[in-house]
Amino acid sequence: MKIVIGAGDYDKGKDWLHTQEEELNLLNASQWEAKFPRESLTAILAEHVWEHLTYDEGIEAAKTCFPFLKPGGHIRCAVPDGYFQNESYQHMVQVGGPGPKDHPAAGHKILYNFNTLTQMFQSAGYKVNLLEYCNEQGIFHSVPWDTKDGFIYRSALHDHRNQDGELQVISLIVDAIKPSDGS
């Protein structure tokens, strides 16, 4: 079983169970226990969800997911990239948002970079593979990744705003993998 956290209006495909915060909150372990047996999920997809949690809540959310993933299962997580050197992008994704309370970024509580997101998931017991990210100098890096393991629209390849080799909107994308030994 594969699930999407905070699916919104995005269609991630028929193979994915789409959920909203009200029915499956990352900070409510009892909701997870009521819905899923332990080690029953192969993948969890969270596109632009984790930045709506504080760093400590992010760790708690990662720990909530951990027992429900099969060994070797993963969370594909995409968040705004704090190291992407694009002024309008940084304005758009800033903590608290750039404008009115109904702006999607109004609920942003943290702006991750690859170091902080990796540390957050590692502290919850995951191994982390970086898929798309900017380094400290703002240089964009990516490795090939399979959309069957979780489609991220706001990515270098898929976002319509990235044209002619010019990156306008990206995400910091990682796979946080539950170790195969279950530890």
N, C-alpha and C. Protein backbone atom coordinates (compact mmCIF):
# COMPACT_ATOMS: atom_id res chain seq x y z
N MET A 1 0.85 -1.18 0.00
CA MET A 1 0.00 0.00 0.00
C MET A 1 0.89 1.24 0.00
N LYS A 2 0.48 2.24 -0.77
CA LYS A 2 1.20 3.52 -0.86
C LYS A 2 0.19 4.64 -0.56
N ILE A 3 0.62 5.63 0.24
CA ILE A 3 -0.30 6.70 0.60
C ILE A 3 0.31 8.07 0.30
N VAL A 4 -0.58 9.03 0.07
CA VAL A 4 -0.20 10.43 -0.10
C VAL A 4 -0.72 11.18 1.11
N ILE A 5 0.16 11.91 1.76
CA ILE A 5 -0.20 12.73 2.91
C ILE A 5 -0.51 14.14 2.40
N GLY A 6 -1.62 14.72 2.84
CA GLY A 6 -1.96 16.07 2.40
C GLY A 6 -2.09 16.16 0.90
N ALA A 7 -2.87 15.27 0.32
CA ALA A 7 -2.95 15.14 -1.13
C ALA A 7 -3.48 16.38 -1.83
N GLY A 8 -4.32 17.15 -1.16
CA GLY A 8 -4.90 18.32 -1.81
C GLY A 8 -5.62 17.92 -3.09
N ASP A 9 -5.47 18.71 -4.12
CA ASP A 9 -6.12 18.44 -5.40
C ASP A 9 -5.23 17.66 -6.35
N TYR A 10 -4.02 17.34 -5.94
CA TYR A 10 -3.10 16.64 -6.82
C TYR A 10 -3.52 15.19 -6.97
N ASP A 11 -3.52 14.70 -8.20
CA ASP A 11 -3.79 13.29 -8.47
C ASP A 11 -2.45 12.59 -8.64
N LYS A 12 -2.09 11.76 -7.69
CA LYS A 12 -0.80 11.07 -7.72
C LYS A 12 -0.92 9.68 -8.34
N GLY A 13 -2.09 9.33 -8.80
CA GLY A 13 -2.26 8.04 -9.46
C GLY A 13 -3.16 7.10 -8.67
N LYS A 14 -3.71 6.14 -9.39
CA LYS A 14 -4.69 5.22 -8.81
C LYS A 14 -4.06 4.24 -7.83
N ASP A 15 -2.75 4.06 -7.87
CA ASP A 15 -2.09 3.13 -6.96
C ASP A 15 -1.86 3.72 -5.58
N TRP A 16 -2.23 4.98 -5.41
CA TRP A 16 -1.96 5.69 -4.16
C TRP A 16 -3.26 6.02 -3.44
N LEU A 17 -3.28 5.82 -2.12
CA LEU A 17 -4.39 6.23 -1.28
C LEU A 17 -4.17 7.69 -0.92
N HIS A 18 -5.09 8.55 -1.33
CA HIS A 18 -4.96 9.99 -1.08
C HIS A 18 -5.62 10.35 0.25
N THR A 19 -4.88 11.06 1.10
CA THR A 19 -5.40 11.44 2.41
C THR A 19 -5.25 12.94 2.63
N GLN A 20 -6.05 13.44 3.56
CA GLN A 20 -5.98 14.84 3.97
C GLN A 20 -5.64 14.88 5.46
N GLU A 21 -5.20 16.01 5.93
CA GLU A 21 -4.76 16.17 7.31
C GLU A 21 -5.84 15.77 8.32
N GLU A 22 -7.10 16.08 8.03
CA GLU A 22 -8.17 15.80 8.97
C GLU A 22 -8.33 14.30 9.22
N GLU A 23 -8.08 13.49 8.21
CA GLU A 23 -8.28 12.05 8.35
C GLU A 23 -7.00 11.30 8.73
N LEU A 24 -5.84 11.89 8.42
CA LEU A 24 -4.57 11.23 8.72
C LEU A 24 -3.53 12.30 9.02
N ASN A 25 -3.48 12.66 10.29
CA ASN A 25 -2.57 13.71 10.75
C ASN A 25 -1.23 13.09 11.11
N LEU A 26 -0.16 13.69 10.62
CA LEU A 26 1.18 13.17 10.89
C LEU A 26 1.54 13.19 12.38
N LEU A 27 0.83 13.97 13.16
CA LEU A 27 1.14 14.09 14.58
C LEU A 27 0.15 13.32 15.46
N ASN A 28 -0.69 12.49 14.84
CA ASN A 28 -1.70 11.75 15.58
C ASN A 28 -1.52 10.25 15.33
N ALA A 29 -0.68 9.62 16.14
CA ALA A 29 -0.37 8.20 15.95
C ALA A 29 -1.60 7.32 16.04
N SER A 30 -2.59 7.70 16.84
CA SER A 30 -3.78 6.86 16.98
C SER A 30 -4.57 6.79 15.67
N GLN A 31 -4.58 7.87 14.88
CA GLN A 31 -5.23 7.81 13.56
C GLN A 31 -4.52 6.80 12.67
N TRP A 32 -3.21 6.78 12.71
CA TRP A 32 -2.43 5.83 11.92
C TRP A 32 -2.71 4.40 12.37
N GLU A 33 -2.72 4.19 13.68
CA GLU A 33 -2.96 2.85 14.21
C GLU A 33 -4.35 2.34 13.84
N ALA A 34 -5.33 3.25 13.75
CA ALA A 34 -6.69 2.85 13.38
C ALA A 34 -6.81 2.51 11.89
N LYS A 35 -5.93 3.07 11.07
CA LYS A 35 -6.03 2.89 9.61
C LYS A 35 -5.13 1.80 9.04
N PHE A 36 -3.94 1.61 9.63
CA PHE A 36 -2.94 0.75 9.00
C PHE A 36 -2.32 -0.22 9.99
N PRO A 37 -2.12 -1.46 9.55
CA PRO A 37 -1.31 -2.38 10.36
C PRO A 37 0.17 -1.94 10.31
N ARG A 38 0.90 -2.32 11.31
CA ARG A 38 2.34 -2.03 11.32
C ARG A 38 3.01 -2.71 10.13
N GLU A 39 4.00 -2.04 9.58
CA GLU A 39 4.79 -2.52 8.44
C GLU A 39 3.93 -2.90 7.24
N SER A 40 2.89 -2.11 6.97
CA SER A 40 1.99 -2.39 5.85
C SER A 40 2.18 -1.45 4.67
N LEU A 41 2.95 -0.38 4.83
CA LEU A 41 3.10 0.62 3.77
C LEU A 41 4.46 0.48 3.08
N THR A 42 4.43 0.57 1.77
CA THR A 42 5.69 0.55 1.02
C THR A 42 6.20 1.97 0.74
N ALA A 43 5.27 2.93 0.68
CA ALA A 43 5.69 4.30 0.38
C ALA A 43 4.69 5.30 0.94
N ILE A 44 5.24 6.41 1.39
CA ILE A 44 4.46 7.56 1.84
C ILE A 44 4.97 8.75 1.04
N LEU A 45 4.05 9.50 0.46
CA LEU A 45 4.42 10.66 -0.35
C LEU A 45 3.92 11.92 0.33
N ALA A 46 4.82 12.86 0.53
CA ALA A 46 4.46 14.13 1.18
C ALA A 46 5.10 15.27 0.38
N GLU A 47 4.32 15.86 -0.52
CA GLU A 47 4.81 16.99 -1.32
C GLU A 47 4.37 18.28 -0.67
N HIS A 48 5.33 19.01 -0.18
CA HIS A 48 5.12 20.31 0.47
C HIS A 48 4.14 20.20 1.64
N VAL A 49 4.53 19.32 2.58
CA VAL A 49 3.78 19.10 3.81
C VAL A 49 4.66 19.39 5.02
N TRP A 50 5.88 18.85 5.01
CA TRP A 50 6.74 18.92 6.21
C TRP A 50 7.10 20.34 6.62
N GLU A 51 7.09 21.29 5.71
CA GLU A 51 7.42 22.68 6.07
C GLU A 51 6.30 23.34 6.87
N HIS A 52 5.16 22.66 6.99
CA HIS A 52 4.05 23.17 7.80
C HIS A 52 4.14 22.68 9.25
N LEU A 53 5.23 21.99 9.55
CA LEU A 53 5.53 21.50 10.90
C LEU A 53 6.80 22.18 11.40
N THR A 54 6.93 22.34 12.69
CA THR A 54 8.21 22.80 13.23
C THR A 54 9.23 21.67 13.05
N TYR A 55 10.48 21.97 13.29
CA TYR A 55 11.52 20.95 13.19
C TYR A 55 11.21 19.78 14.12
N ASP A 56 10.88 20.08 15.38
CA ASP A 56 10.57 19.01 16.34
C ASP A 56 9.31 18.25 15.95
N GLU A 57 8.31 18.93 15.42
CA GLU A 57 7.11 18.25 14.92
C GLU A 57 7.47 17.36 13.73
N GLY A 58 8.41 17.82 12.90
CA GLY A 58 8.87 17.02 11.76
C GLY A 58 9.47 15.70 12.22
N ILE A 59 10.28 15.76 13.27
CA ILE A 59 10.84 14.53 13.83
C ILE A 59 9.72 13.63 14.36
N GLU A 60 8.78 14.22 15.09
CA GLU A 60 7.66 13.46 15.62
C GLU A 60 6.85 12.82 14.49
N ALA A 61 6.60 13.56 13.42
CA ALA A 61 5.85 13.04 12.27
C ALA A 61 6.60 11.88 11.62
N ALA A 62 7.91 12.02 11.46
CA ALA A 62 8.72 10.94 10.88
C ALA A 62 8.65 9.70 11.76
N LYS A 63 8.67 9.90 13.07
CA LYS A 63 8.57 8.77 14.00
C LYS A 63 7.17 8.14 13.96
N THR A 64 6.14 8.96 13.73
CA THR A 64 4.78 8.42 13.59
C THR A 64 4.70 7.47 12.41
N CYS A 65 5.32 7.84 11.29
CA CYS A 65 5.27 7.03 10.07
C CYS A 65 6.09 5.75 10.17
N PHE A 66 7.18 5.79 10.92
CA PHE A 66 8.19 4.72 10.94
C PHE A 66 7.61 3.32 11.15
N PRO A 67 6.80 3.08 12.18
CA PRO A 67 6.34 1.70 12.41
C PRO A 67 5.39 1.17 11.33
N PHE A 68 4.83 2.04 10.53
CA PHE A 68 3.86 1.62 9.52
C PHE A 68 4.51 1.31 8.18
N LEU A 69 5.77 1.73 8.00
CA LEU A 69 6.51 1.41 6.79
C LEU A 69 7.10 0.02 6.90
N LYS A 70 7.07 -0.70 5.79
CA LYS A 70 7.77 -1.97 5.71
C LYS A 70 9.27 -1.67 5.76
N PRO A 71 10.08 -2.60 6.23
CA PRO A 71 11.52 -2.41 6.11
C PRO A 71 11.89 -2.18 4.65
N GLY A 72 12.68 -1.16 4.39
CA GLY A 72 13.02 -0.78 3.02
C GLY A 72 12.01 0.18 2.40
N GLY A 73 10.87 0.40 3.05
CA GLY A 73 9.87 1.36 2.58
C GLY A 73 10.39 2.78 2.78
N HIS A 74 9.73 3.74 2.14
CA HIS A 74 10.26 5.10 2.19
C HIS A 74 9.18 6.17 2.29
N ILE A 75 9.60 7.31 2.78
CA ILE A 75 8.83 8.55 2.68
C ILE A 75 9.52 9.37 1.59
N ARG A 76 8.80 9.67 0.54
CA ARG A 76 9.33 10.64 -0.44
C ARG A 76 8.80 12.00 0.01
N CYS A 77 9.70 12.85 0.40
CA CYS A 77 9.35 14.15 0.97
C CYS A 77 9.92 15.26 0.09
N ALA A 78 9.08 16.20 -0.25
CA ALA A 78 9.51 17.38 -1.01
C ALA A 78 9.09 18.62 -0.23
N VAL A 79 10.02 19.53 -0.06
CA VAL A 79 9.78 20.79 0.65
C VAL A 79 10.47 21.91 -0.12
N PRO A 80 10.11 23.17 0.14
CA PRO A 80 10.86 24.27 -0.46
C PRO A 80 12.33 24.19 -0.04
N ASP A 81 13.21 24.57 -0.94
CA ASP A 81 14.65 24.46 -0.70
C ASP A 81 15.22 25.80 -0.26
N GLY A 82 15.69 25.85 0.97
CA GLY A 82 16.25 27.07 1.54
C GLY A 82 17.54 27.52 0.90
N TYR A 83 18.20 26.64 0.16
CA TYR A 83 19.46 26.99 -0.51
C TYR A 83 19.28 27.39 -1.97
N PHE A 84 18.05 27.33 -2.50
CA PHE A 84 17.82 27.72 -3.90
C PHE A 84 17.97 29.22 -4.02
N GLN A 85 18.90 29.66 -4.83
CA GLN A 85 19.21 31.08 -4.93
C GLN A 85 18.36 31.77 -6.01
N ASN A 86 17.12 32.01 -5.64
CA ASN A 86 16.18 32.71 -6.50
C ASN A 86 15.34 33.58 -5.57
N GLU A 87 15.52 34.88 -5.67
CA GLU A 87 14.90 35.81 -4.72
C GLU A 87 13.38 35.72 -4.69
N SER A 88 12.74 35.64 -5.86
CA SER A 88 11.28 35.58 -5.87
C SER A 88 10.78 34.26 -5.29
N TYR A 89 11.49 33.18 -5.55
CA TYR A 89 11.15 31.88 -4.96
C TYR A 89 11.25 31.95 -3.44
N GLN A 90 12.36 32.49 -2.92
CA GLN A 90 12.54 32.57 -1.48
C GLN A 90 11.47 33.44 -0.83
N HIS A 91 11.07 34.50 -1.52
CA HIS A 91 10.00 35.36 -1.01
C HIS A 91 8.68 34.57 -0.95
N MET A 92 8.43 33.77 -1.98
CA MET A 92 7.18 33.01 -2.08
C MET A 92 7.09 31.92 -1.00
N VAL A 93 8.21 31.31 -0.62
CA VAL A 93 8.18 30.16 0.29
C VAL A 93 8.59 30.50 1.73
N GLN A 94 8.81 31.76 2.01
CA GLN A 94 9.31 32.16 3.33
C GLN A 94 8.39 31.71 4.47
N VAL A 95 8.98 31.53 5.64
CA VAL A 95 8.22 31.17 6.82
C VAL A 95 7.15 32.23 7.06
N GLY A 96 5.91 31.76 7.25
CA GLY A 96 4.79 32.68 7.46
C GLY A 96 4.18 33.19 6.18
N GLY A 97 4.80 32.88 5.04
CA GLY A 97 4.26 33.28 3.74
C GLY A 97 4.49 34.73 3.40
N PRO A 98 4.31 35.08 2.14
CA PRO A 98 4.57 36.43 1.68
C PRO A 98 3.38 37.38 1.80
N GLY A 99 2.24 36.86 2.19
CA GLY A 99 1.08 37.74 2.15
C GLY A 99 -0.05 37.28 3.05
N PRO A 100 -1.27 37.31 2.54
CA PRO A 100 -2.45 37.04 3.37
C PRO A 100 -2.45 35.63 3.95
N LYS A 101 -3.29 35.46 4.97
CA LYS A 101 -3.34 34.18 5.68
C LYS A 101 -3.84 33.04 4.82
N ASP A 102 -4.49 33.33 3.69
CA ASP A 102 -4.96 32.25 2.82
C ASP A 102 -3.91 31.86 1.78
N HIS A 103 -2.75 32.51 1.77
CA HIS A 103 -1.67 32.12 0.86
C HIS A 103 -1.14 30.75 1.30
N PRO A 104 -0.85 29.84 0.35
CA PRO A 104 -0.39 28.50 0.73
C PRO A 104 0.82 28.49 1.67
N ALA A 105 1.70 29.47 1.54
CA ALA A 105 2.90 29.49 2.38
C ALA A 105 2.66 30.11 3.75
N ALA A 106 1.46 30.61 4.00
CA ALA A 106 1.18 31.26 5.29
C ALA A 106 1.42 30.31 6.46
N GLY A 107 1.26 29.02 6.23
CA GLY A 107 1.46 28.05 7.29
C GLY A 107 2.87 27.49 7.38
N HIS A 108 3.80 28.03 6.60
CA HIS A 108 5.17 27.53 6.66
C HIS A 108 5.80 27.88 8.00
N LYS A 109 6.36 26.86 8.67
CA LYS A 109 6.98 27.05 9.97
C LYS A 109 8.50 26.92 9.92
N ILE A 110 9.01 26.38 8.81
CA ILE A 110 10.45 26.17 8.68
C ILE A 110 10.80 26.17 7.20
N LEU A 111 12.01 26.60 6.90
CA LEU A 111 12.54 26.50 5.55
C LEU A 111 13.76 25.59 5.63
N TYR A 112 13.60 24.38 5.12
CA TYR A 112 14.65 23.38 5.19
C TYR A 112 15.72 23.62 4.13
N ASN A 113 16.89 23.08 4.39
CA ASN A 113 17.91 22.87 3.37
C ASN A 113 18.28 21.40 3.46
N PHE A 114 19.13 20.94 2.56
CA PHE A 114 19.39 19.50 2.55
C PHE A 114 20.02 19.01 3.85
N ASN A 115 20.78 19.85 4.52
CA ASN A 115 21.39 19.45 5.79
C ASN A 115 20.33 19.25 6.87
N THR A 116 19.44 20.22 7.03
CA THR A 116 18.45 20.15 8.12
C THR A 116 17.41 19.07 7.87
N LEU A 117 16.98 18.90 6.61
CA LEU A 117 15.98 17.86 6.33
C LEU A 117 16.59 16.47 6.52
N THR A 118 17.83 16.29 6.07
CA THR A 118 18.51 15.02 6.27
C THR A 118 18.66 14.72 7.75
N GLN A 119 19.11 15.69 8.53
CA GLN A 119 19.28 15.49 9.97
C GLN A 119 17.96 15.17 10.65
N MET A 120 16.90 15.85 10.23
CA MET A 120 15.59 15.62 10.83
C MET A 120 15.17 14.17 10.64
N PHE A 121 15.24 13.65 9.41
CA PHE A 121 14.84 12.26 9.16
C PHE A 121 15.80 11.26 9.80
N GLN A 122 17.10 11.54 9.78
CA GLN A 122 18.06 10.63 10.40
C GLN A 122 17.81 10.53 11.91
N SER A 123 17.43 11.62 12.54
CA SER A 123 17.19 11.57 13.98
C SER A 123 15.97 10.71 14.33
N ALA A 124 15.11 10.45 13.33
CA ALA A 124 13.95 9.58 13.53
C ALA A 124 14.23 8.14 13.09
N GLY A 125 15.49 7.85 12.68
CA GLY A 125 15.87 6.48 12.36
C GLY A 125 15.95 6.11 10.90
N TYR A 126 15.79 7.07 10.00
CA TYR A 126 15.80 6.80 8.56
C TYR A 126 17.18 6.97 7.95
N LYS A 127 17.40 6.28 6.85
CA LYS A 127 18.51 6.56 5.95
C LYS A 127 17.96 7.52 4.92
N VAL A 128 18.76 8.47 4.45
CA VAL A 128 18.24 9.50 3.55
C VAL A 128 19.02 9.51 2.23
N ASN A 129 18.26 9.46 1.14
CA ASN A 129 18.82 9.65 -0.20
C ASN A 129 18.35 10.99 -0.73
N LEU A 130 19.28 11.84 -1.11
CA LEU A 130 18.94 13.12 -1.71
C LEU A 130 18.64 12.91 -3.19
N LEU A 131 17.48 13.40 -3.64
CA LEU A 131 17.09 13.26 -5.04
C LEU A 131 17.28 14.56 -5.81
N GLU A 132 16.80 15.67 -5.26
CA GLU A 132 16.99 17.00 -5.84
C GLU A 132 17.23 17.97 -4.70
N TYR A 133 18.25 18.81 -4.86
CA TYR A 133 18.58 19.77 -3.81
C TYR A 133 19.61 20.77 -4.31
N CYS A 134 19.70 21.88 -3.61
CA CYS A 134 20.77 22.84 -3.83
C CYS A 134 21.75 22.72 -2.67
N ASN A 135 23.04 22.85 -2.97
CA ASN A 135 24.03 22.83 -1.91
C ASN A 135 24.16 24.23 -1.29
N GLU A 136 25.10 24.38 -0.36
CA GLU A 136 25.26 25.64 0.36
C GLU A 136 25.57 26.82 -0.56
N GLN A 137 26.16 26.54 -1.71
CA GLN A 137 26.46 27.59 -2.69
C GLN A 137 25.31 27.84 -3.66
N GLY A 138 24.22 27.13 -3.48
CA GLY A 138 23.06 27.30 -4.34
C GLY A 138 23.13 26.51 -5.63
N ILE A 139 24.10 25.63 -5.75
CA ILE A 139 24.23 24.82 -6.97
C ILE A 139 23.26 23.65 -6.88
N PHE A 140 22.45 23.51 -7.94
CA PHE A 140 21.42 22.47 -7.99
C PHE A 140 22.04 21.12 -8.33
N HIS A 141 21.61 20.09 -7.59
CA HIS A 141 22.05 18.71 -7.83
C HIS A 141 20.81 17.83 -7.95
N SER A 142 20.92 16.82 -8.78
CA SER A 142 19.83 15.84 -8.87
C SER A 142 20.39 14.50 -9.31
N VAL A 143 19.67 13.47 -8.93
CA VAL A 143 19.95 12.12 -9.40
C VAL A 143 18.66 11.62 -10.05
N PRO A 144 18.76 10.68 -10.98
CA PRO A 144 17.53 10.14 -11.56
C PRO A 144 16.66 9.49 -10.48
N TRP A 145 15.36 9.76 -10.55
CA TRP A 145 14.42 9.14 -9.60
C TRP A 145 13.17 8.75 -10.36
N ASP A 146 12.53 7.70 -9.86
CA ASP A 146 11.39 7.09 -10.53
C ASP A 146 10.08 7.66 -9.97
N THR A 147 9.26 8.20 -10.84
CA THR A 147 7.98 8.76 -10.40
C THR A 147 7.04 7.68 -9.86
N LYS A 148 7.26 6.41 -10.19
CA LYS A 148 6.43 5.33 -9.64
C LYS A 148 6.61 5.22 -8.13
N ASP A 149 7.73 5.71 -7.62
CA ASP A 149 8.00 5.69 -6.18
C ASP A 149 7.46 6.94 -5.50
N GLY A 150 6.81 7.81 -6.27
CA GLY A 150 6.22 9.03 -5.74
C GLY A 150 6.45 10.18 -6.69
N PHE A 151 5.39 10.64 -7.33
CA PHE A 151 5.48 11.74 -8.28
C PHE A 151 5.47 13.07 -7.54
N ILE A 152 6.46 13.90 -7.83
CA ILE A 152 6.55 15.25 -7.27
C ILE A 152 6.40 16.24 -8.42
N TYR A 153 5.29 16.97 -8.42
CA TYR A 153 5.08 17.96 -9.48
C TYR A 153 6.09 19.10 -9.37
N ARG A 154 6.24 19.65 -8.16
CA ARG A 154 7.15 20.79 -7.98
C ARG A 154 8.59 20.31 -7.93
N SER A 155 9.06 19.89 -9.10
CA SER A 155 10.41 19.36 -9.25
C SER A 155 11.03 19.97 -10.50
N ALA A 156 12.32 19.78 -10.66
CA ALA A 156 13.02 20.36 -11.80
C ALA A 156 12.44 19.89 -13.13
N LEU A 157 12.11 18.61 -13.21
CA LEU A 157 11.62 18.06 -14.48
C LEU A 157 10.14 18.27 -14.74
N HIS A 158 9.32 18.35 -13.69
CA HIS A 158 7.88 18.28 -13.89
C HIS A 158 7.13 19.60 -13.74
N ASP A 159 7.69 20.58 -13.07
CA ASP A 159 6.97 21.84 -12.88
C ASP A 159 6.99 22.64 -14.19
N HIS A 160 5.81 23.06 -14.62
CA HIS A 160 5.68 23.77 -15.91
C HIS A 160 6.44 25.10 -15.92
N ARG A 161 6.76 25.64 -14.75
CA ARG A 161 7.45 26.93 -14.68
C ARG A 161 8.95 26.81 -14.99
N ASN A 162 9.46 25.59 -15.05
CA ASN A 162 10.87 25.35 -15.38
C ASN A 162 10.97 25.03 -16.86
N GLN A 163 11.36 26.01 -17.65
CA GLN A 163 11.42 25.81 -19.10
C GLN A 163 12.76 26.30 -19.63
N ASP A 164 13.16 25.74 -20.75
CA ASP A 164 14.38 26.12 -21.44
C ASP A 164 15.61 26.05 -20.53
N GLY A 165 15.64 25.05 -19.65
CA GLY A 165 16.78 24.86 -18.78
C GLY A 165 16.89 25.86 -17.64
N GLU A 166 15.90 26.71 -17.48
CA GLU A 166 15.90 27.74 -16.44
C GLU A 166 15.02 27.30 -15.27
N LEU A 167 15.65 27.05 -14.12
CA LEU A 167 14.89 26.63 -12.95
C LEU A 167 14.27 27.84 -12.25
N GLN A 168 12.96 27.81 -12.11
CA GLN A 168 12.22 28.87 -11.42
C GLN A 168 11.64 28.38 -10.10
N VAL A 169 11.17 27.12 -10.11
CA VAL A 169 10.53 26.52 -8.95
C VAL A 169 11.07 25.10 -8.81
N ILE A 170 11.67 24.82 -7.67
CA ILE A 170 12.16 23.47 -7.41
C ILE A 170 11.71 23.06 -6.02
N SER A 171 12.01 21.85 -5.69
CA SER A 171 11.82 21.35 -4.33
C SER A 171 13.09 20.65 -3.90
N LEU A 172 13.31 20.65 -2.63
CA LEU A 172 14.29 19.78 -2.01
C LEU A 172 13.56 18.45 -1.85
N ILE A 173 14.05 17.41 -2.52
CA ILE A 173 13.36 16.12 -2.54
C ILE A 173 14.28 15.05 -1.99
N VAL A 174 13.75 14.29 -1.02
CA VAL A 174 14.51 13.19 -0.44
C VAL A 174 13.64 11.95 -0.36
N ASP A 175 14.29 10.81 -0.34
CA ASP A 175 13.66 9.57 0.07
C ASP A 175 14.23 9.24 1.44
N ALA A 176 13.37 9.20 2.44
CA ALA A 176 13.74 8.78 3.79
C ALA A 176 13.35 7.31 3.90
N ILE A 177 14.33 6.45 4.03
CA ILE A 177 14.12 5.01 3.91
C ILE A 177 14.23 4.34 5.29
N LYS A 178 13.24 3.52 5.59
CA LYS A 178 13.30 2.72 6.81
C LYS A 178 14.33 1.61 6.58
N PRO A 179 15.33 1.52 7.44
CA PRO A 179 16.35 0.48 7.23
C PRO A 179 15.74 -0.91 7.13
N SER A 180 16.32 -1.74 6.29
CA SER A 180 15.79 -3.09 6.07
C SER A 180 15.83 -3.96 7.31
N ASP A 181 16.75 -3.65 8.22
CA ASP A 181 16.80 -4.45 9.46
C ASP A 181 15.73 -4.01 10.45
N GLY A 182 14.93 -2.96 10.08
CA GLY A 182 13.82 -2.51 10.92
C GLY A 182 14.23 -1.68 12.09
N SER A 183 15.53 -1.46 12.26
CA SER A 183 15.99 -0.68 13.44
C SER A 183 15.83 0.80 13.23
